[in-house]
Amino acid sequence: QVHLVESGGGLVQAGGSMRLSCAASGRTVSNRGMGWFRQAPGKEREFVAAISQSGGSDNYSDSVKGRFTISRDNAKNTVYLQMNSLKPDDTAVYYCAARPAYYIGLRYSEGAYDSWGQGTQVTVSS
């Protein structure tokens, strides 16, 4: 497993932008697929976005497609989530997750990830 720490959350108005960062330590994540998930109050945690080891492939949930962009900088051992055109429905705790090393394929299931950060709160006001 790898230690993950999210940052960049906070309060933003609807229509605004925010960038989340996920810094990994202990082990490299360059050989791991990465993902972002979120959990809104009273709801189950849901998939947001995933990116391949190289960053050459990604996928998104329908609810964020076209507004959010996942990216990574393997030299910095960091993954990002750029969120634009934010809506109040995007309010949630956002979690970064890492797949086991060398596993290929983009996955939206929580069970496909073996390392999780503690989460960062994103609140979008209307």
Foldseek 3Di string as FASTA:
>chain_A
DWAKAKDWADEAAAQAKTKMKIAIDDDFQLQWKKFKWWDDPPGDIWGAKIAWSPRPDMDGDPVQPPFWDWGDDRVRSMIMIIGGRDDQVPWTWMKMFIAPGNDGDTDGDPVRTDYIYPTDTHGYHD
